[in-house]
Amino acid sequence: MDAGRIREIEQRISAIKAALQKIGAMRPGSLTCQYRNPKEGTGAFWQLSYTRNMKSRSEYVRKEMVKELQKEIAAYKRFKDLIDEWVDRSIECSQARMRLAKTQGPG
């Protein structure tokens, strides 16, 4: 059973690697619409906030760049999800290999 599961996991890891190669431009963060005068809802502007290398940053974003940034942020989230799954599958595969080696005995 473990040998078959190992093959399944390795195939999924290969699929993850292929999906990672297709990810284009990306960047972390969240994009929000802020208001200079929130009570009246006037003076709207877009702000990108993110943390990188333990430093928090905020950037103003032009309205015409919002759609592009939303795609980049979505790509980054997809990247992170794929990496997390890759690590999870790698751990699972390693554990399955150890179980298989234990049942087969030495050498």
C-alpha atoms as a PDB file:
ATOM      1  CA  MET A   1       0.000   0.000   0.000  1.00  0.00           C
ATOM      2  CA  ASP A   2       2.753   2.478   0.849  1.00  0.00           C
ATOM      3  CA  ALA A   3       4.513   1.997  -2.506  1.00  0.00           C
ATOM      4  CA  GLY A   4       1.328   2.919  -4.377  1.00  0.00           C
ATOM      5  CA  ARG A   5       0.739   5.902  -2.111  1.00  0.00           C
ATOM      6  CA  ILE A   6       4.328   7.058  -2.651  1.00  0.00           C
ATOM      7  CA  ARG A   7       3.746   7.017  -6.430  1.00  0.00           C
ATOM      8  CA  GLU A   8       0.535   9.046  -6.001  1.00  0.00           C
ATOM      9  CA  ILE A   9       2.310  11.606  -3.838  1.00  0.00           C
ATOM     10  CA  GLU A  10       5.234  11.892  -6.266  1.00  0.00           C
ATOM     11  CA  GLN A  11       2.787  12.465  -9.138  1.00  0.00           C
ATOM     12  CA  ARG A  12       1.047  15.206  -7.156  1.00  0.00           C
ATOM     13  CA  ILE A  13       4.407  16.835  -6.377  1.00  0.00           C
ATOM     14  CA  SER A  14       5.224  16.784 -10.103  1.00  0.00           C
ATOM     15  CA  ALA A  15       1.876  18.460 -10.827  1.00  0.00           C
ATOM     16  CA  ILE A  16       2.609  21.102  -8.169  1.00  0.00           C
ATOM     17  CA  LYS A  17       6.010  21.825  -9.743  1.00  0.00           C
ATOM     18  CA  ALA A  18       4.359  22.208 -13.168  1.00  0.00           C
ATOM     19  CA  ALA A  19       1.761  24.593 -11.721  1.00  0.00           C
ATOM     20  CA  LEU A  20       4.500  26.650 -10.048  1.00  0.00           C
ATOM     21  CA  GLN A  21       6.260  27.088 -13.387  1.00  0.00           C
ATOM     22  CA  LYS A  22       3.123  28.673 -14.820  1.00  0.00           C
ATOM     23  CA  ILE A  23       2.804  31.347 -12.137  1.00  0.00           C
ATOM     24  CA  GLY A  24       3.718  34.742 -13.527  1.00  0.00           C
ATOM     25  CA  ALA A  25       4.203  38.062 -11.790  1.00  0.00           C
ATOM     26  CA  MET A  26       3.255  37.996  -8.139  1.00  0.00           C
ATOM     27  CA  ARG A  27       3.503  40.024  -5.001  1.00  0.00           C
ATOM     28  CA  PRO A  28       2.343  39.666  -1.418  1.00  0.00           C
ATOM     29  CA  GLY A  29      -0.122  41.868   0.340  1.00  0.00           C
ATOM     30  CA  SER A  30      -3.664  43.028   0.543  1.00  0.00           C
ATOM     31  CA  LEU A  31      -5.220  45.775  -1.500  1.00  0.00           C
ATOM     32  CA  THR A  32      -7.840  47.978   0.114  1.00  0.00           C
ATOM     33  CA  CYS A  33      -9.796  51.065  -0.787  1.00  0.00           C
ATOM     34  CA  GLN A  34      -9.318  53.776   1.823  1.00  0.00           C
ATOM     35  CA  TYR A  35     -10.976  57.165   2.244  1.00  0.00           C
ATOM     36  CA  ARG A  36      -9.342  60.442   3.164  1.00  0.00           C
ATOM     37  CA  ASN A  37     -12.672  61.481   4.645  1.00  0.00           C
ATOM     38  CA  PRO A  38     -14.295  58.233   5.830  1.00  0.00           C
ATOM     39  CA  LYS A  39     -17.378  59.802   7.399  1.00  0.00           C
ATOM     40  CA  GLU A  40     -18.494  61.242   4.065  1.00  0.00           C
ATOM     41  CA  GLY A  41     -16.931  58.461   1.980  1.00  0.00           C
ATOM     42  CA  THR A  42     -14.933  60.901  -0.125  1.00  0.00           C
ATOM     43  CA  GLY A  43     -11.339  61.001  -1.247  1.00  0.00           C
ATOM     44  CA  ALA A  44     -11.052  57.325  -2.117  1.00  0.00           C
ATOM     45  CA  PHE A  45      -7.608  55.863  -2.784  1.00  0.00           C
ATOM     46  CA  TRP A  46      -6.112  52.381  -3.029  1.00  0.00           C
ATOM     47  CA  GLN A  47      -3.475  51.090  -0.660  1.00  0.00           C
ATOM     48  CA  LEU A  48      -1.323  47.968  -0.813  1.00  0.00           C
ATOM     49  CA  SER A  49      -0.097  46.662   2.552  1.00  0.00           C
ATOM     50  CA  TYR A  50       2.329  43.801   3.057  1.00  0.00           C
ATOM     51  CA  THR A  51       5.072  42.486   5.295  1.00  0.00           C
ATOM     52  CA  ARG A  52       8.352  41.300   3.820  1.00  0.00           C
ATOM     53  CA  ASN A  53      11.525  40.410   5.719  1.00  0.00           C
ATOM     54  CA  MET A  54       9.781  41.371   8.960  1.00  0.00           C
ATOM     55  CA  LYS A  55       9.133  44.910   7.700  1.00  0.00           C
ATOM     56  CA  SER A  56       5.617  46.185   7.266  1.00  0.00           C
ATOM     57  CA  ARG A  57       5.033  48.393   4.244  1.00  0.00           C
ATOM     58  CA  SER A  58       2.199  50.339   2.662  1.00  0.00           C
ATOM     59  CA  GLU A  59       2.114  51.779  -0.822  1.00  0.00           C
ATOM     60  CA  TYR A  60      -0.373  53.977  -2.592  1.00  0.00           C
ATOM     61  CA  VAL A  61      -1.688  52.439  -5.784  1.00  0.00           C
ATOM     62  CA  ARG A  62      -3.044  54.197  -8.842  1.00  0.00           C
ATOM     63  CA  LYS A  63      -6.591  53.229  -9.749  1.00  0.00           C
ATOM     64  CA  GLU A  64      -5.501  51.981 -13.183  1.00  0.00           C
ATOM     65  CA  MET A  65      -3.093  49.507 -11.549  1.00  0.00           C
ATOM     66  CA  VAL A  66      -5.659  47.892  -9.223  1.00  0.00           C
ATOM     67  CA  LYS A  67      -6.707  45.028 -11.542  1.00  0.00           C
ATOM     68  CA  GLU A  68      -3.100  44.112 -12.327  1.00  0.00           C
ATOM     69  CA  LEU A  69      -2.169  44.122  -8.636  1.00  0.00           C
ATOM     70  CA  GLN A  70      -5.187  41.971  -7.777  1.00  0.00           C
ATOM     71  CA  LYS A  71      -3.923  39.368 -10.264  1.00  0.00           C
ATOM     72  CA  GLU A  72      -0.398  39.530  -8.803  1.00  0.00           C
ATOM     73  CA  ILE A  73      -1.723  39.153  -5.256  1.00  0.00           C
ATOM     74  CA  ALA A  74      -3.875  36.181  -6.316  1.00  0.00           C
ATOM     75  CA  ALA A  75      -0.818  34.609  -7.995  1.00  0.00           C
ATOM     76  CA  TYR A  76       1.185  35.033  -4.783  1.00  0.00           C
ATOM     77  CA  LYS A  77      -1.581  33.358  -2.748  1.00  0.00           C
ATOM     78  CA  ARG A  78      -1.651  30.494  -5.259  1.00  0.00           C
ATOM     79  CA  PHE A  79       2.158  30.230  -4.995  1.00  0.00           C
ATOM     80  CA  LYS A  80       1.995  30.031  -1.204  1.00  0.00           C
ATOM     81  CA  ASP A  81      -0.778  27.408  -1.294  1.00  0.00           C
ATOM     82  CA  LEU A  82       1.182  25.258  -3.757  1.00  0.00           C
ATOM     83  CA  ILE A  83       4.387  25.513  -1.710  1.00  0.00           C
ATOM     84  CA  ASP A  84       2.519  24.546   1.466  1.00  0.00           C
ATOM     85  CA  GLU A  85       0.964  21.552  -0.259  1.00  0.00           C
ATOM     86  CA  TRP A  86       4.366  20.536  -1.683  1.00  0.00           C
ATOM     87  CA  VAL A  87       5.871  20.532   1.810  1.00  0.00           C
ATOM     88  CA  ASP A  88       2.912  18.586   3.226  1.00  0.00           C
ATOM     89  CA  ARG A  89       3.123  15.971   0.444  1.00  0.00           C
ATOM     90  CA  SER A  90       6.909  15.714   0.873  1.00  0.00           C
ATOM     91  CA  ILE A  91       6.519  15.003   4.574  1.00  0.00           C
ATOM     92  CA  GLU A  92       3.834  12.420   3.846  1.00  0.00           C
ATOM     93  CA  CYS A  93       6.048  10.783   1.202  1.00  0.00           C
ATOM     94  CA  SER A  94       9.019  10.657   3.548  1.00  0.00           C
ATOM     95  CA  GLN A  95       6.910   9.033   6.259  1.00  0.00           C
ATOM     96  CA  ALA A  96       5.562   6.465   3.782  1.00  0.00           C
ATOM     97  CA  ARG A  97       9.116   5.625   2.645  1.00  0.00           C
ATOM     98  CA  MET A  98      10.185   5.103   6.255  1.00  0.00           C
ATOM     99  CA  ARG A  99       7.203   2.811   6.911  1.00  0.00           C
ATOM    100  CA  LEU A 100       7.962   0.885   3.728  1.00  0.00           C
ATOM    101  CA  ALA A 101      11.642   0.493   4.671  1.00  0.00           C
ATOM    102  CA  LYS A 102      10.647  -0.704   8.142  1.00  0.00           C
ATOM    103  CA  THR A 103       8.339  -3.413   6.751  1.00  0.00           C
ATOM    104  CA  GLN A 104      10.927  -4.586   4.211  1.00  0.00           C
ATOM    105  CA  GLY A 105      13.645  -4.874   6.795  1.00  0.00           C
ATOM    106  CA  PRO A 106      17.373  -4.109   6.454  1.00  0.00           C
ATOM    107  CA  GLY A 107      19.253  -4.217   3.169  1.00  0.00           C
END
